[in-house]
Amino acid sequence: MTTTTAAHLFPSPLSSDPDDPDFPSSVDDGARDVSVTRIHGRCAPFCATEGPTAGASVADHDAKCLSAVGASVSPVLESGRLAHLVAFLARPYLHGTYSSVDAAAVEQSGFVELSADIPTADGWVEKNFYLSAADARTLGAGLTRMANVLEWQDELLRTERERRENRDHSGEEVQA
């Protein structure tokens, strides 16, 4: 299993100034010389980040573009407390000088970000999960199927309960 961190998904630039004339055209990554790519910041079409957008530094924008809330629910935890689960579209925001390998891989990546706010004794803890489009579809399809099964079972139980109630009131079994 490959470990991916937020730093891999949303890398920091080697230099925050894509126009820095003193920055070399390649860098040594420890194994080989890698060319660099100079990128002037540009937002994803769905970016809802407040403040500067295209051309802004990562420090002024953020390392990622986030959409407005796509979906949100407040699931109940085992403790009985409510948590908050919110889904966004996310794409790396790049501005500066990056290794060409990182820039090529990251520019093509987008995610569905699930952000979970979980209550603790000391306040709230936020955990973010980044799903590929395929993983988001798989999770969505699985959740939809499970919800359908629950509703189907609820309907069967309701029908059986009504049948028993009718039998109890009439003294005979009612055919479905």
Protein backbone atom coordinates (compact mmCIF):
# COMPACT_ATOMS: atom_id res chain seq x y z
CA MET A 1 0.00 0.00 0.00
CA THR A 2 1.35 3.43 -0.97
CA THR A 3 1.18 6.11 1.67
CA THR A 4 0.00 9.45 0.34
CA THR A 5 0.12 12.54 2.49
CA ALA A 6 -1.49 15.93 2.05
CA ALA A 7 1.98 17.21 1.10
CA HIS A 8 1.95 14.78 -1.86
CA LEU A 9 -1.52 15.91 -2.88
CA PHE A 10 -0.87 19.62 -2.39
CA PRO A 11 2.92 20.12 -2.67
CA SER A 12 4.79 23.22 -1.60
CA PRO A 13 6.68 25.03 -4.36
CA LEU A 14 10.48 24.82 -4.48
CA SER A 15 10.35 28.59 -4.93
CA SER A 16 7.28 30.75 -4.38
CA ASP A 17 8.27 33.09 -7.23
CA PRO A 18 7.79 31.52 -10.65
CA ASP A 19 9.73 34.43 -12.22
CA ASP A 20 12.81 34.12 -9.99
CA PRO A 21 15.71 34.44 -12.50
CA ASP A 22 18.18 33.04 -9.96
CA PHE A 23 16.32 29.74 -9.53
CA PRO A 24 18.03 26.95 -11.53
CA SER A 25 16.27 25.19 -14.42
CA SER A 26 16.74 21.81 -12.72
CA VAL A 27 17.09 20.47 -9.18
CA ASP A 28 18.69 17.40 -7.68
CA ASP A 29 16.02 15.28 -5.99
CA GLY A 30 18.62 13.00 -4.41
CA ALA A 31 18.52 10.45 -7.21
CA ARG A 32 18.77 12.55 -10.37
CA ASP A 33 18.48 16.03 -11.81
CA VAL A 34 14.85 16.95 -12.42
CA SER A 35 13.73 19.86 -14.56
CA VAL A 36 11.50 22.47 -13.01
CA THR A 37 8.20 23.94 -14.13
CA ARG A 38 7.31 27.53 -13.43
CA ILE A 39 3.60 28.00 -12.84
CA HIS A 40 1.66 31.22 -12.39
CA GLY A 41 -1.26 30.42 -10.09
CA ARG A 42 -4.60 29.60 -11.59
CA CYS A 43 -7.74 28.46 -9.86
CA ALA A 44 -9.90 25.50 -10.69
CA PRO A 45 -13.16 26.59 -12.37
CA PHE A 46 -15.10 25.62 -9.22
CA CYS A 47 -12.82 27.46 -6.76
CA ALA A 48 -14.77 29.29 -4.08
CA THR A 49 -11.72 30.50 -2.13
CA GLU A 50 -12.19 34.03 -0.84
CA GLY A 51 -9.50 36.50 -1.68
CA PRO A 52 -6.97 36.50 -4.50
CA THR A 53 -7.30 33.86 -7.16
CA ALA A 54 -5.34 33.64 -10.42
CA GLY A 55 -1.72 34.68 -10.04
CA ALA A 56 -1.79 34.76 -6.24
CA SER A 57 0.90 33.03 -4.21
CA VAL A 58 0.06 29.80 -2.42
CA ALA A 59 0.41 31.70 0.88
CA ASP A 60 -2.20 34.24 -0.24
CA HIS A 61 -4.58 31.69 -1.83
CA ASP A 62 -4.12 28.28 -0.16
CA ALA A 63 -2.54 25.06 -1.35
CA LYS A 64 -5.87 23.92 -2.76
CA CYS A 65 -8.93 25.21 -4.54
CA LEU A 66 -12.15 24.15 -2.82
CA SER A 67 -15.66 24.31 -4.21
CA ALA A 68 -18.63 25.53 -2.29
CA VAL A 69 -20.19 22.79 -0.17
CA GLY A 70 -21.37 19.95 -2.41
CA ALA A 71 -23.12 17.95 0.28
CA SER A 72 -23.28 17.91 4.05
CA VAL A 73 -24.78 15.69 6.72
CA SER A 74 -24.62 15.52 10.51
CA PRO A 75 -24.20 11.84 11.41
CA VAL A 76 -24.65 10.61 14.96
CA LEU A 77 -21.56 9.19 16.66
CA GLU A 78 -21.62 6.22 19.05
CA SER A 79 -21.50 8.75 21.88
CA GLY A 80 -24.80 10.20 20.70
CA ARG A 81 -23.16 13.51 19.73
CA LEU A 82 -23.49 14.92 16.23
CA ALA A 83 -20.50 15.26 13.93
CA HIS A 84 -20.39 17.17 10.65
CA LEU A 85 -19.42 15.58 7.35
CA VAL A 86 -19.02 17.90 4.38
CA ALA A 87 -18.02 17.11 0.78
CA PHE A 88 -16.17 19.53 -1.51
CA LEU A 89 -14.38 19.36 -4.82
CA ALA A 90 -10.66 19.96 -4.32
CA ARG A 91 -7.81 20.56 -6.75
CA PRO A 92 -4.23 21.65 -6.01
CA TYR A 93 -3.49 25.35 -6.48
CA LEU A 94 0.00 25.71 -7.88
CA HIS A 95 2.00 28.94 -8.03
CA GLY A 96 5.77 29.02 -8.09
CA THR A 97 8.51 26.69 -9.24
CA TYR A 98 7.93 22.94 -8.88
CA SER A 99 9.76 19.86 -10.01
CA SER A 100 8.34 18.97 -13.42
CA VAL A 101 7.46 15.50 -12.15
CA ASP A 102 5.39 16.89 -9.24
CA ALA A 103 3.76 19.58 -11.37
CA ALA A 104 2.68 17.18 -14.13
CA ALA A 105 1.21 14.66 -11.68
CA VAL A 106 -0.46 17.16 -9.40
CA GLU A 107 -1.93 19.44 -12.08
CA GLN A 108 -3.97 16.51 -13.38
CA SER A 109 -5.33 15.50 -10.01
CA GLY A 110 -8.59 16.49 -8.45
CA PHE A 111 -10.39 15.02 -5.49
CA VAL A 112 -13.60 14.86 -3.59
CA GLU A 113 -12.65 16.09 -0.13
CA LEU A 114 -14.68 14.71 2.74
CA SER A 115 -14.14 16.89 5.77
CA ALA A 116 -15.26 15.43 9.10
CA ASP A 117 -15.62 17.68 12.14
CA ILE A 118 -15.70 15.42 15.18
CA PRO A 119 -16.55 16.69 18.67
CA THR A 120 -14.10 15.90 21.45
CA ALA A 121 -13.89 16.84 25.11
CA ASP A 122 -11.62 19.75 24.12
CA GLY A 123 -13.65 21.06 21.19
CA TRP A 124 -13.65 19.84 17.60
CA VAL A 125 -11.14 17.86 15.53
CA GLU A 126 -11.17 18.13 11.74
CA LYS A 127 -10.14 15.16 9.59
CA ASN A 128 -9.95 15.43 5.80
CA PHE A 129 -10.20 12.50 3.40
CA TYR A 130 -9.31 12.84 -0.29
CA LEU A 131 -11.08 10.50 -2.70
CA SER A 132 -10.38 10.07 -6.39
CA ALA A 133 -13.38 10.37 -8.70
CA ALA A 134 -13.50 6.56 -8.93
CA ASP A 135 -13.37 6.12 -5.15
CA ALA A 136 -16.08 8.77 -4.67
CA ARG A 137 -18.33 6.96 -7.16
CA THR A 138 -17.66 3.61 -5.47
CA LEU A 139 -18.47 5.03 -2.04
CA GLY A 140 -21.56 6.84 -3.37
CA ALA A 141 -22.86 3.72 -5.12
CA GLY A 142 -22.26 1.61 -2.02
CA LEU A 143 -24.01 4.12 0.25
CA THR A 144 -26.94 4.36 -2.18
CA ARG A 145 -27.27 0.56 -2.32
CA MET A 146 -27.15 0.25 1.48
CA ALA A 147 -29.77 3.01 1.87
CA ASN A 148 -32.02 1.21 -0.64
CA VAL A 149 -31.65 -2.07 1.27
CA LEU A 150 -32.54 -0.34 4.55
CA GLU A 151 -35.64 1.27 3.01
CA TRP A 152 -36.67 -2.05 1.43
CA GLN A 153 -36.29 -3.84 4.78
CA ASP A 154 -38.19 -1.06 6.55
CA GLU A 155 -41.04 -1.49 4.05
CA LEU A 156 -41.08 -5.27 4.62
CA LEU A 157 -41.17 -4.78 8.39
CA ARG A 158 -43.96 -2.19 8.11
CA THR A 159 -46.02 -4.50 5.89
CA GLU A 160 -45.51 -7.45 8.26
CA ARG A 161 -46.45 -5.29 11.27
CA GLU A 162 -49.65 -4.12 9.51
CA ARG A 163 -50.50 -7.73 8.59
CA ARG A 164 -50.12 -8.81 12.25
CA GLU A 165 -52.22 -5.87 13.46
CA ASN A 166 -54.99 -6.69 10.98
CA ARG A 167 -54.90 -10.36 11.99
CA ASP A 168 -55.03 -9.44 15.68
CA HIS A 169 -58.07 -7.18 15.11
CA SER A 170 -59.98 -9.56 12.85
CA GLY A 171 -58.95 -12.86 14.34
CA GLU A 172 -57.93 -14.28 10.97
CA GLU A 173 -54.88 -13.97 8.77
CA VAL A 174 -55.05 -11.43 6.00
CA GLN A 175 -53.54 -12.48 2.67
CA ALA A 176 -51.02 -10.03 1.22
